[in-house]
Amino acid sequence: MALPRLELRAVSKTYANGGPPVEVLHDISLSACAGTVTALVGRSGSGKTTLLNLAGAMDFPTRGEVLIDGQATSALSDAQLTRLRRTRVGFVFQFFELLPTMTAVENVELPLLLAGASKARQAALGRLRWVGLEDKAGSMPYQLSGGQRQRVAMARALAHSPDLLIADEPTGNLDSAAGQQVLDLLRQSAVDFGAAVLIATHSSEAAAMADVRVRLRDGRIQSIEP
């Protein structure tokens, strides 16, 4: 039986920030397999973004383990972590985070260039075609609608066919039609790229299209629903 692509084992996270320690995640255990979509749902402050940061190796648990394909992220060297983030994990953010001085295709191409990929421009154009925006390759971000910018951001996140795709409120800044396009692409990315997709969301539509819904409350798992 294949290992889960992502696994959190009894994970807790505490921040001190110079004051009394605050535990924002408490004993979280969950897993996500290739080709599936998992939605993290809960109020602001429930721990969704912290959990995403741990899952994507942008931060590390105070207790417990985060494993990607069976490898604990806390055991990796700085060089291994950099390679992991550049080649195996894709990130999509609420506010797109496109570089404003680069065209759409240059934004998509950048992570490929940083990873030393060959034929980076060709691959970037292919991902823009996949999100339906090849005709906008030469456009600057300010020339695109919010929905188009998020689709470019998705093309960038998927440029290197990541094993794990992490999306933090990906439809939170979009109208319903553009948001549905993005949700459809997230769903399709699990199918086409075999990614384990992990979404933090307030959207009932996003939660509905997921294979698994993890409800968080005050940093604890309230329920896991198929």
Protein backbone atom coordinates (compact mmCIF):
# COMPACT_ATOMS: atom_id res chain seq x y z
CA MET A 1 0.00 0.00 0.00
CA ALA A 2 1.39 3.42 -0.98
CA LEU A 3 2.47 5.86 1.70
CA PRO A 4 0.35 8.98 2.16
CA ARG A 5 1.87 11.86 0.23
CA LEU A 6 1.49 14.04 3.32
CA GLU A 7 1.22 12.90 6.92
CA LEU A 8 1.02 14.86 10.17
CA ARG A 9 1.65 12.80 13.29
CA ALA A 10 0.52 14.30 16.62
CA VAL A 11 1.65 17.75 15.53
CA SER A 12 1.54 20.73 17.88
CA LYS A 13 2.85 24.25 17.30
CA THR A 14 3.68 26.80 19.98
CA TYR A 15 4.77 30.40 19.45
CA ALA A 16 6.49 32.47 22.14
CA ASN A 17 7.19 35.83 20.44
CA GLY A 18 8.80 37.21 23.58
CA GLY A 19 5.70 36.66 25.71
CA PRO A 20 3.87 33.71 27.26
CA PRO A 21 3.86 30.70 24.90
CA VAL A 22 0.71 30.27 22.80
CA GLU A 23 -0.11 26.84 21.42
CA VAL A 24 -1.92 27.38 18.11
CA LEU A 25 -2.11 23.73 17.01
CA HIS A 26 -2.81 20.86 19.41
CA ASP A 27 -2.02 17.24 18.62
CA ILE A 28 -3.02 17.28 14.92
CA SER A 29 -2.93 13.98 13.05
CA LEU A 30 -4.07 13.65 9.44
CA SER A 31 -2.91 12.36 6.08
CA ALA A 32 -3.47 13.14 2.40
CA CYS A 33 -2.91 10.79 -0.52
CA ALA A 34 -1.89 11.48 -4.11
CA GLY A 35 -4.78 12.52 -6.33
CA THR A 36 -7.01 13.75 -3.49
CA VAL A 37 -8.25 17.15 -2.31
CA THR A 38 -8.39 17.90 1.42
CA ALA A 39 -10.13 21.04 2.67
CA LEU A 40 -9.27 22.63 6.01
CA VAL A 41 -12.31 24.52 7.24
CA GLY A 42 -12.85 26.64 10.32
CA ARG A 43 -13.05 30.19 11.57
CA SER A 44 -10.17 32.66 11.33
CA GLY A 45 -7.71 31.80 14.09
CA SER A 46 -8.55 28.10 14.04
CA GLY A 47 -5.03 27.20 12.87
CA LYS A 48 -5.57 26.60 9.14
CA THR A 49 -2.71 28.76 7.85
CA THR A 50 -0.28 27.49 10.51
CA LEU A 51 -1.12 23.94 9.47
CA LEU A 52 -0.50 24.78 5.80
CA ASN A 53 2.88 26.30 6.67
CA LEU A 54 3.87 23.12 8.50
CA ALA A 55 2.61 20.91 5.66
CA GLY A 56 4.64 22.86 3.10
CA ALA A 57 7.84 22.87 5.20
CA MET A 58 7.69 26.64 5.58
CA ASP A 59 7.66 26.09 9.35
CA PHE A 60 8.19 23.16 11.68
CA PRO A 61 6.20 21.64 14.53
CA THR A 62 7.10 22.15 18.16
CA ARG A 63 6.09 18.54 18.77
CA GLY A 64 5.22 15.71 16.42
CA GLU A 65 6.28 15.09 12.82
CA VAL A 66 5.33 16.27 9.34
CA LEU A 67 6.23 13.75 6.64
CA ILE A 68 6.17 14.15 2.86
CA ASP A 69 6.34 10.75 1.18
CA GLY A 70 7.55 9.29 4.46
CA GLN A 71 10.38 11.82 4.95
CA ALA A 72 10.20 14.03 8.06
CA THR A 73 10.63 17.68 7.05
CA SER A 74 12.43 18.49 10.31
CA ALA A 75 15.18 15.99 9.40
CA LEU A 76 16.09 17.76 6.13
CA SER A 77 19.07 20.06 5.67
CA ASP A 78 18.59 23.65 4.47
CA ALA A 79 19.62 22.61 0.96
CA GLN A 80 17.19 19.69 0.98
CA LEU A 81 14.39 21.92 2.24
CA THR A 82 15.04 24.46 -0.51
CA ARG A 83 14.93 21.71 -3.12
CA LEU A 84 11.75 20.27 -1.62
CA ARG A 85 9.96 23.63 -1.76
CA ARG A 86 11.17 24.35 -5.30
CA THR A 87 10.46 20.98 -6.87
CA ARG A 88 7.88 19.05 -4.84
CA VAL A 89 5.56 21.61 -3.24
CA GLY A 90 3.43 24.26 -4.98
CA PHE A 91 1.84 27.21 -3.18
CA VAL A 92 -1.23 29.28 -4.11
CA PHE A 93 -2.10 32.35 -2.02
CA GLN A 94 -5.22 34.46 -1.56
CA PHE A 95 -3.61 37.59 -3.00
CA PHE A 96 -1.83 35.84 -5.91
CA GLU A 97 1.72 37.07 -5.02
CA LEU A 98 2.70 37.56 -8.67
CA LEU A 99 5.79 39.68 -9.34
CA PRO A 100 4.38 42.90 -10.82
CA THR A 101 7.37 43.64 -13.09
CA MET A 102 7.21 40.25 -14.82
CA THR A 103 4.81 39.03 -17.51
CA ALA A 104 2.50 36.10 -16.86
CA VAL A 105 4.82 33.61 -18.54
CA GLU A 106 7.87 35.01 -16.71
CA ASN A 107 6.08 34.57 -13.37
CA VAL A 108 5.33 30.94 -14.23
CA GLU A 109 8.84 30.37 -15.58
CA LEU A 110 10.65 31.78 -12.53
CA PRO A 111 10.43 28.74 -10.20
CA LEU A 112 11.58 26.51 -13.06
CA LEU A 113 14.62 28.72 -13.63
CA LEU A 114 15.40 28.74 -9.90
CA ALA A 115 15.24 24.94 -9.90
CA GLY A 116 17.58 24.74 -12.91
CA ALA A 117 14.99 23.16 -15.19
CA SER A 118 15.65 22.88 -18.91
CA LYS A 119 13.14 24.21 -21.45
CA ALA A 120 11.62 26.40 -18.74
CA ARG A 121 9.82 28.74 -21.15
CA GLN A 122 8.22 25.82 -23.00
CA ALA A 123 7.04 24.28 -19.73
CA ALA A 124 5.69 27.63 -18.49
CA LEU A 125 3.68 28.11 -21.67
CA GLY A 126 2.33 24.60 -21.27
CA ARG A 127 1.07 25.37 -17.77
CA LEU A 128 -0.53 28.63 -18.95
CA ARG A 129 -2.26 26.60 -21.65
CA TRP A 130 -3.48 24.18 -18.98
CA VAL A 131 -5.15 27.03 -17.03
CA GLY A 132 -6.56 28.49 -20.26
CA LEU A 133 -4.37 31.59 -20.39
CA GLU A 134 -1.72 30.93 -23.04
CA ASP A 135 -3.01 34.01 -24.90
CA LYS A 136 -2.13 36.14 -21.84
CA ALA A 137 1.50 34.97 -21.67
CA GLY A 138 2.87 38.44 -22.47
CA SER A 139 0.47 40.35 -20.20
CA MET A 140 1.59 42.08 -17.01
CA PRO A 141 -0.30 41.22 -13.80
CA TYR A 142 -2.01 44.63 -13.70
CA GLN A 143 -3.53 43.87 -17.12
CA LEU A 144 -5.26 40.73 -15.80
CA SER A 145 -8.46 40.28 -13.80
CA GLY A 146 -8.28 38.81 -10.31
CA GLY A 147 -9.43 35.43 -11.57
CA GLN A 148 -6.83 35.46 -14.35
CA ARG A 149 -4.08 36.40 -11.88
CA GLN A 150 -5.04 33.50 -9.63
CA ARG A 151 -4.98 31.14 -12.59
CA VAL A 152 -1.47 32.40 -13.48
CA ALA A 153 -0.52 31.79 -9.84
CA MET A 154 -1.87 28.26 -10.17
CA ALA A 155 0.15 27.72 -13.35
CA ARG A 156 3.24 28.88 -11.44
CA ALA A 157 2.48 26.56 -8.50
CA LEU A 158 2.06 23.63 -10.89
CA ALA A 159 5.02 24.49 -13.14
CA HIS A 160 7.16 21.69 -11.70
CA SER A 161 4.31 19.15 -11.33
CA PRO A 162 4.49 19.16 -7.51
CA ASP A 163 3.61 16.20 -5.34
CA LEU A 164 1.84 18.52 -2.90
CA LEU A 165 -0.23 21.60 -3.82
CA ILE A 166 -1.07 23.95 -0.95
CA ALA A 167 -3.69 26.68 -1.38
CA ASP A 168 -4.49 29.27 1.29
CA GLU A 169 -7.96 30.79 0.72
CA PRO A 170 -7.46 30.56 -3.08
CA THR A 171 -10.95 31.93 -3.85
CA GLY A 172 -11.16 34.43 -0.99
CA ASN A 173 -10.44 37.43 -3.22
CA LEU A 174 -12.55 36.36 -6.23
CA ASP A 175 -16.15 36.61 -7.37
CA SER A 176 -18.16 33.39 -7.54
CA ALA A 177 -17.58 32.69 -11.25
CA ALA A 178 -13.81 33.21 -11.09
CA GLY A 179 -13.68 31.30 -7.82
CA GLN A 180 -15.42 28.32 -9.39
CA GLN A 181 -12.88 28.27 -12.23
CA VAL A 182 -10.07 28.11 -9.69
CA LEU A 183 -11.79 25.34 -7.72
CA ASP A 184 -12.27 23.34 -10.91
CA LEU A 185 -8.55 23.69 -11.67
CA LEU A 186 -7.59 22.65 -8.14
CA ARG A 187 -9.76 19.56 -8.49
CA GLN A 188 -8.27 18.83 -11.92
CA SER A 189 -4.70 19.26 -10.66
CA ALA A 190 -5.21 16.29 -8.34
CA VAL A 191 -6.33 14.24 -11.35
CA ASP A 192 -3.85 15.43 -13.98
CA PHE A 193 -0.73 15.78 -11.84
CA GLY A 194 -1.47 13.27 -9.08
CA ALA A 195 -0.93 15.97 -6.49
CA ALA A 196 -2.22 15.82 -2.96
CA VAL A 197 -4.11 19.12 -2.76
CA LEU A 198 -4.54 20.81 0.62
CA ILE A 199 -6.81 23.87 0.79
CA ALA A 200 -7.56 26.22 3.67
CA THR A 201 -10.90 27.86 3.00
CA HIS A 202 -13.99 29.62 4.32
CA SER A 203 -15.82 28.72 1.08
CA SER A 204 -18.63 26.18 1.27
CA GLU A 205 -18.13 25.51 -2.46
CA ALA A 206 -14.46 24.67 -1.90
CA ALA A 207 -15.30 22.40 1.01
CA ALA A 208 -18.00 20.67 -1.03
CA MET A 209 -15.67 19.72 -3.88
CA ALA A 210 -13.02 18.21 -1.56
CA ASP A 211 -12.63 14.49 -0.98
CA VAL A 212 -12.04 15.08 2.74
CA ARG A 213 -13.06 17.96 5.01
CA VAL A 214 -11.03 18.59 8.16
CA ARG A 215 -12.85 20.91 10.58
CA LEU A 216 -10.58 22.87 12.89
CA ARG A 217 -11.59 24.76 16.01
CA ASP A 218 -9.13 26.56 18.29
CA GLY A 219 -6.20 24.64 16.87
CA ARG A 220 -7.78 21.21 17.29
CA ILE A 221 -9.39 18.83 14.84
CA GLN A 222 -13.11 18.87 15.49
CA SER A 223 -13.97 16.31 12.80
CA ILE A 224 -12.70 14.63 9.64
CA GLU A 225 -15.48 14.04 7.12
CA PRO A 226 -15.21 12.10 3.85
